[in-house]
Amino acid sequence: MSKVLNAPELTEVPVLQILYQDEFLVAIDKPAGMLVHRSFLDRHETVFVMQTLRNQIGQHVFPVHRLDRPTSGVLLFALSADVARLLTEQLTEQHWRKFYLAVCRGFVKHSGILDYPLKEQLDKIADKQASQDKDKQEAITALWPLAQVELPIAIGKYPVARYSLVALQPLTGRKHQLRRHLSHLRHPIVGDTTHGEGKHNRLFAEHFNSHRLLLIAKRLEFTHPVTGASVVIEAPMGEVKELFKAFNWPTEERWYSNFFQRSDLAGLPSL
């Protein structure tokens, strides 16, 4: 696979958009290209979500889950170690519902559930001591096609370029699961430099000035670990809104909220 894009580099410390905050939790809209925390694998980086958020709200934050560096959207933190433990237990027991939006190559025609085990992805440096012969892990993703566009732009041997907007619900949490599953279905996510295709990434960069992975953690649903209330947090359309306008795709937040509220796994066929 060609690697033609780099994740957007953040040269200035951004002001993070806070989507939800109380005395126990805080959730932000993570920018694409921003690392969640320091890593020896990216020693040259100087801007991180955890440090930025800590400085912005004036208190320590505790990570509960993660988003890949190129992915944007809802990212939740606890404000104490005890609450972080409770949230981690919820996540481990799969009590959260997470929904993503992705722009992918080709026309996705059918909703369904993909049950396709994935080999654990190991880092050459961080995991060099780990066993390289582990069995594949269960990986399940629900998928719904939402919109399509055909662009009058020749690409490869085709006179036009076709793309789909899809909603995704990961039912397990494997590394790069959504990106790998869509690649397996031959509908790689646009902007994916690892599992995608360079010619489609270049098309979006050259024609739409889009230089990012088009994967957004749009909605998170969970039970508040302290109050017991149902919590729903949604990330705004943000920078992809203009792209969606150009494709005549839905841009109203309520449209997506209504879709996620109606989404149901019952009756979805296997992909």
Protein backbone atom coordinates (compact mmCIF):
# COMPACT_ATOMS: atom_id res chain seq x y z
CA MET A 1 0.00 0.00 0.00
CA SER A 2 1.26 3.47 -0.86
CA LYS A 3 1.92 5.87 1.97
CA VAL A 4 1.34 9.34 0.62
CA LEU A 5 -0.14 11.22 3.56
CA ASN A 6 1.14 12.06 6.97
CA ALA A 7 -1.14 12.81 9.90
CA PRO A 8 -1.63 16.58 10.18
CA GLU A 9 1.15 17.99 12.31
CA LEU A 10 0.17 20.29 15.15
CA THR A 11 2.71 23.04 15.53
CA GLU A 12 0.68 25.08 18.01
CA VAL A 13 -1.11 23.96 21.14
CA PRO A 14 -4.83 23.97 20.29
CA VAL A 15 -7.67 24.90 22.61
CA LEU A 16 -9.51 21.62 22.99
CA GLN A 17 -13.29 21.71 22.58
CA ILE A 18 -14.90 20.32 25.71
CA LEU A 19 -18.03 18.34 24.86
CA TYR A 20 -18.98 17.30 28.41
CA GLN A 21 -17.68 18.04 31.89
CA ASP A 22 -18.77 17.48 35.47
CA GLU A 23 -16.89 16.87 38.70
CA PHE A 24 -16.07 13.29 37.68
CA LEU A 25 -15.60 13.26 33.90
CA VAL A 26 -14.51 15.36 30.96
CA ALA A 27 -14.86 14.60 27.26
CA ILE A 28 -13.25 16.49 24.39
CA ASP A 29 -13.34 16.57 20.60
CA LYS A 30 -9.89 15.19 19.83
CA PRO A 31 -8.31 16.83 16.78
CA ALA A 32 -7.04 14.60 13.99
CA GLY A 33 -3.27 14.26 14.14
CA MET A 34 -2.95 14.80 17.89
CA LEU A 35 -1.43 12.11 20.09
CA VAL A 36 -3.31 11.28 23.28
CA HIS A 37 -0.19 11.00 25.44
CA ARG A 38 3.59 10.92 25.24
CA SER A 39 5.19 7.93 23.57
CA PHE A 40 8.81 6.99 23.06
CA LEU A 41 7.74 5.99 19.54
CA ASP A 42 7.05 9.67 18.74
CA ARG A 43 9.79 11.42 20.69
CA HIS A 44 9.78 14.46 18.39
CA GLU A 45 6.16 15.32 19.26
CA THR A 46 5.55 18.12 21.74
CA VAL A 47 1.73 18.49 21.74
CA PHE A 48 -0.44 15.89 23.47
CA VAL A 49 -4.09 15.71 24.46
CA MET A 50 -3.52 14.76 28.10
CA GLN A 51 -1.08 17.55 28.88
CA THR A 52 -3.06 20.10 26.89
CA LEU A 53 -6.34 19.20 28.60
CA ARG A 54 -4.71 19.13 32.05
CA ASN A 55 -3.37 22.63 31.52
CA GLN A 56 -6.65 23.84 30.05
CA ILE A 57 -8.88 22.72 32.95
CA GLY A 58 -6.27 22.98 35.69
CA GLN A 59 -6.38 19.42 36.99
CA HIS A 60 -5.08 15.95 36.21
CA VAL A 61 -6.99 13.73 33.80
CA PHE A 62 -6.97 9.95 33.61
CA PRO A 63 -7.28 8.18 30.24
CA VAL A 64 -9.99 5.54 29.89
CA HIS A 65 -9.86 4.62 26.21
CA ARG A 66 -7.88 5.73 23.18
CA LEU A 67 -8.24 7.06 19.68
CA ASP A 68 -5.58 6.57 17.06
CA ARG A 69 -3.55 9.66 16.29
CA PRO A 70 -5.22 10.33 12.89
CA THR A 71 -8.77 9.77 14.21
CA SER A 72 -10.81 12.68 15.55
CA GLY A 73 -13.86 12.78 17.79
CA VAL A 74 -15.18 11.98 21.25
CA LEU A 75 -12.45 11.14 23.76
CA LEU A 76 -13.41 10.61 27.41
CA PHE A 77 -11.25 11.11 30.51
CA ALA A 78 -11.89 10.55 34.21
CA LEU A 79 -10.94 13.16 36.77
CA SER A 80 -9.83 10.62 39.38
CA ALA A 81 -8.22 7.21 39.44
CA ASP A 82 -11.30 5.64 41.07
CA VAL A 83 -13.65 6.89 38.35
CA ALA A 84 -11.16 5.80 35.70
CA ARG A 85 -11.26 2.28 37.14
CA LEU A 86 -15.07 2.21 37.03
CA LEU A 87 -15.15 3.41 33.44
CA THR A 88 -12.49 0.91 32.41
CA GLU A 89 -14.60 -1.88 33.91
CA GLN A 90 -17.58 -0.68 31.86
CA LEU A 91 -15.50 -0.61 28.71
CA THR A 92 -14.00 -4.05 29.36
CA GLU A 93 -17.47 -5.48 29.88
CA GLN A 94 -18.60 -3.84 26.62
CA HIS A 95 -21.24 -1.66 28.23
CA TRP A 96 -20.41 1.33 26.04
CA ARG A 97 -21.89 2.05 22.62
CA LYS A 98 -19.54 3.82 20.23
CA PHE A 99 -20.40 5.06 16.76
CA TYR A 100 -18.06 6.32 14.05
CA LEU A 101 -18.43 7.95 10.66
CA ALA A 102 -16.04 7.05 7.85
CA VAL A 103 -15.57 7.96 4.20
CA CYS A 104 -14.46 4.93 2.24
CA ARG A 105 -13.70 3.89 -1.33
CA GLY A 106 -16.47 2.48 -3.53
CA PHE A 107 -20.20 2.09 -3.05
CA VAL A 108 -21.09 0.25 0.16
CA LYS A 109 -24.50 -1.21 -0.61
CA HIS A 110 -25.53 -3.28 2.40
CA SER A 111 -25.76 -2.96 6.17
CA GLY A 112 -24.51 -5.84 8.23
CA ILE A 113 -22.17 -7.23 10.85
CA LEU A 114 -18.65 -8.26 9.98
CA ASP A 115 -17.22 -10.98 12.22
CA TYR A 116 -13.62 -11.19 11.02
CA PRO A 117 -10.90 -12.09 13.56
CA LEU A 118 -7.75 -9.99 13.46
CA LYS A 119 -4.16 -10.82 14.24
CA GLU A 120 -2.86 -8.61 17.03
CA GLN A 121 -0.81 -5.78 15.57
CA LEU A 122 2.53 -5.54 17.32
CA ASP A 123 4.89 -2.61 17.20
CA LYS A 124 8.40 -3.47 16.01
CA ILE A 125 9.97 -1.56 18.89
CA ALA A 126 7.50 -1.52 21.78
CA ASP A 127 6.44 -5.15 21.30
CA LYS A 128 9.66 -6.73 20.12
CA GLN A 129 9.71 -9.03 23.17
CA ALA A 130 6.07 -10.10 22.72
CA SER A 131 5.08 -13.43 21.20
CA GLN A 132 4.71 -13.18 17.44
CA ASP A 133 2.56 -16.32 17.17
CA LYS A 134 -0.61 -15.34 18.99
CA ASP A 135 -3.93 -16.59 17.67
CA LYS A 136 -6.24 -14.18 15.89
CA GLN A 137 -8.57 -12.23 18.18
CA GLU A 138 -12.33 -11.91 17.81
CA ALA A 139 -13.21 -8.67 16.01
CA ILE A 140 -16.79 -7.63 15.20
CA THR A 141 -18.06 -4.44 13.56
CA ALA A 142 -21.57 -3.32 12.59
CA LEU A 143 -21.83 -1.21 9.44
CA TRP A 144 -24.53 0.95 7.84
CA PRO A 145 -24.16 2.80 4.49
CA LEU A 146 -25.48 6.36 4.78
CA ALA A 147 -24.65 8.16 1.51
CA GLN A 148 -22.73 7.84 -1.73
CA VAL A 149 -21.06 10.13 -4.25
CA GLU A 150 -19.71 9.64 -7.75
CA LEU A 151 -17.05 12.14 -8.76
CA PRO A 152 -16.22 12.92 -12.40
CA ILE A 153 -12.55 12.33 -11.71
CA ALA A 154 -10.66 9.52 -13.42
CA ILE A 155 -8.74 7.30 -11.05
CA GLY A 156 -6.68 4.31 -12.09
CA LYS A 157 -8.49 2.50 -14.90
CA TYR A 158 -11.87 3.98 -13.94
CA PRO A 159 -13.36 7.14 -15.51
CA VAL A 160 -15.08 8.15 -12.24
CA ALA A 161 -14.34 7.86 -8.52
CA ARG A 162 -16.93 6.48 -6.12
CA TYR A 163 -17.08 6.89 -2.36
CA SER A 164 -19.45 6.08 0.50
CA LEU A 165 -20.23 7.55 3.90
CA VAL A 166 -20.75 4.78 6.42
CA ALA A 167 -21.64 4.53 10.10
CA LEU A 168 -19.67 2.01 12.13
CA GLN A 169 -20.21 0.47 15.55
CA PRO A 170 -17.25 -1.54 16.86
CA LEU A 171 -18.50 -4.40 19.03
CA THR A 172 -14.96 -5.34 20.03
CA GLY A 173 -11.90 -3.14 20.49
CA ARG A 174 -8.97 -4.37 18.45
CA LYS A 175 -6.15 -2.12 17.28
CA HIS A 176 -7.11 -0.35 14.04
CA GLN A 177 -10.19 -2.58 13.93
CA LEU A 178 -12.39 -0.28 11.82
CA ARG A 179 -9.61 0.54 9.39
CA ARG A 180 -8.65 -3.11 8.98
CA HIS A 181 -12.22 -4.33 8.67
CA LEU A 182 -13.09 -1.84 5.92
CA SER A 183 -9.88 -2.71 4.12
CA HIS A 184 -10.88 -6.38 4.34
CA LEU A 185 -14.22 -5.49 2.71
CA ARG A 186 -12.28 -3.70 -0.07
CA HIS A 187 -13.67 -0.35 1.04
CA PRO A 188 -10.60 1.21 2.69
CA ILE A 189 -11.06 4.49 4.56
CA VAL A 190 -9.87 7.55 2.68
CA GLY A 191 -6.71 9.00 4.20
CA ASP A 192 -5.58 5.72 5.74
CA THR A 193 -1.85 5.54 5.06
CA THR A 194 -1.49 2.05 6.54
CA HIS A 195 -4.50 0.08 5.33
CA GLY A 196 -5.76 2.36 2.54
CA GLU A 197 -4.81 3.22 -1.02
CA GLY A 198 -2.50 6.06 -1.99
CA LYS A 199 -4.30 7.06 -5.19
CA HIS A 200 -7.55 7.76 -3.31
CA ASN A 201 -5.71 9.60 -0.56
CA ARG A 202 -4.02 11.76 -3.21
CA LEU A 203 -7.33 12.50 -4.91
CA PHE A 204 -8.82 13.89 -1.70
CA ALA A 205 -5.66 15.86 -0.93
CA GLU A 206 -5.43 17.40 -4.39
CA HIS A 207 -9.11 18.04 -5.13
CA PHE A 208 -10.57 18.67 -1.67
CA ASN A 209 -7.56 19.74 0.42
CA SER A 210 -8.29 16.81 2.74
CA HIS A 211 -5.07 15.49 4.26
CA ARG A 212 -6.46 13.45 7.14
CA LEU A 213 -7.92 10.06 7.91
CA LEU A 214 -11.66 10.42 7.31
CA LEU A 215 -12.68 8.54 10.45
CA ILE A 216 -14.58 10.33 13.23
CA ALA A 217 -15.59 9.00 16.65
CA LYS A 218 -18.99 10.66 16.39
CA ARG A 219 -20.98 9.39 19.39
CA LEU A 220 -20.36 7.74 22.74
CA GLU A 221 -23.10 6.31 24.98
CA PHE A 222 -22.49 5.02 28.51
CA THR A 223 -23.85 4.97 32.04
CA HIS A 224 -22.34 7.56 34.36
CA PRO A 225 -20.18 5.56 36.79
CA VAL A 226 -21.14 7.72 39.78
CA THR A 227 -24.66 9.05 39.19
CA GLY A 228 -26.00 6.14 37.14
CA ALA A 229 -27.47 8.53 34.55
CA SER A 230 -27.38 7.73 30.84
CA VAL A 231 -24.80 9.91 29.09
CA VAL A 232 -24.64 10.59 25.35
CA ILE A 233 -21.76 12.65 23.96
CA GLU A 234 -21.46 13.62 20.31
CA ALA A 235 -18.62 15.26 18.42
CA PRO A 236 -19.52 18.02 15.94
CA MET A 237 -19.00 17.65 12.19
CA GLY A 238 -16.10 20.07 12.40
CA GLU A 239 -13.68 20.23 9.48
CA VAL A 240 -15.44 17.54 7.42
CA LYS A 241 -18.65 19.56 7.17
CA GLU A 242 -17.52 21.44 4.06
CA LEU A 243 -16.48 18.18 2.42
CA PHE A 244 -19.89 16.66 3.13
CA LYS A 245 -21.56 19.79 1.72
CA ALA A 246 -19.57 19.38 -1.49
CA PHE A 247 -20.86 15.80 -1.78
CA ASN A 248 -24.45 16.81 -0.90
CA TRP A 249 -24.31 14.54 2.15
CA PRO A 250 -26.19 15.27 5.40
CA THR A 251 -24.50 17.95 7.51
CA GLU A 252 -27.08 18.55 10.24
CA GLU A 253 -26.07 17.16 13.61
CA ARG A 254 -29.67 16.15 14.35
CA TRP A 255 -29.72 13.92 11.25
CA TYR A 256 -26.87 11.82 12.65
CA SER A 257 -28.26 11.86 16.19
CA ASN A 258 -31.57 10.52 14.91
CA PHE A 259 -29.84 7.82 12.93
CA PHE A 260 -27.77 6.60 15.87
CA GLN A 261 -30.85 6.59 18.12
CA ARG A 262 -32.67 4.37 15.63
CA SER A 263 -29.77 2.05 14.86
CA ASP A 264 -30.35 -1.53 15.94
CA LEU A 265 -28.18 -4.60 15.62
CA ALA A 266 -31.20 -6.91 15.56
CA GLY A 267 -31.75 -8.36 12.13
CA LEU A 268 -28.47 -7.19 10.62
CA PRO A 269 -27.11 -9.89 8.30
CA SER A 270 -23.54 -11.14 8.30
CA LEU A 271 -21.20 -9.46 5.85
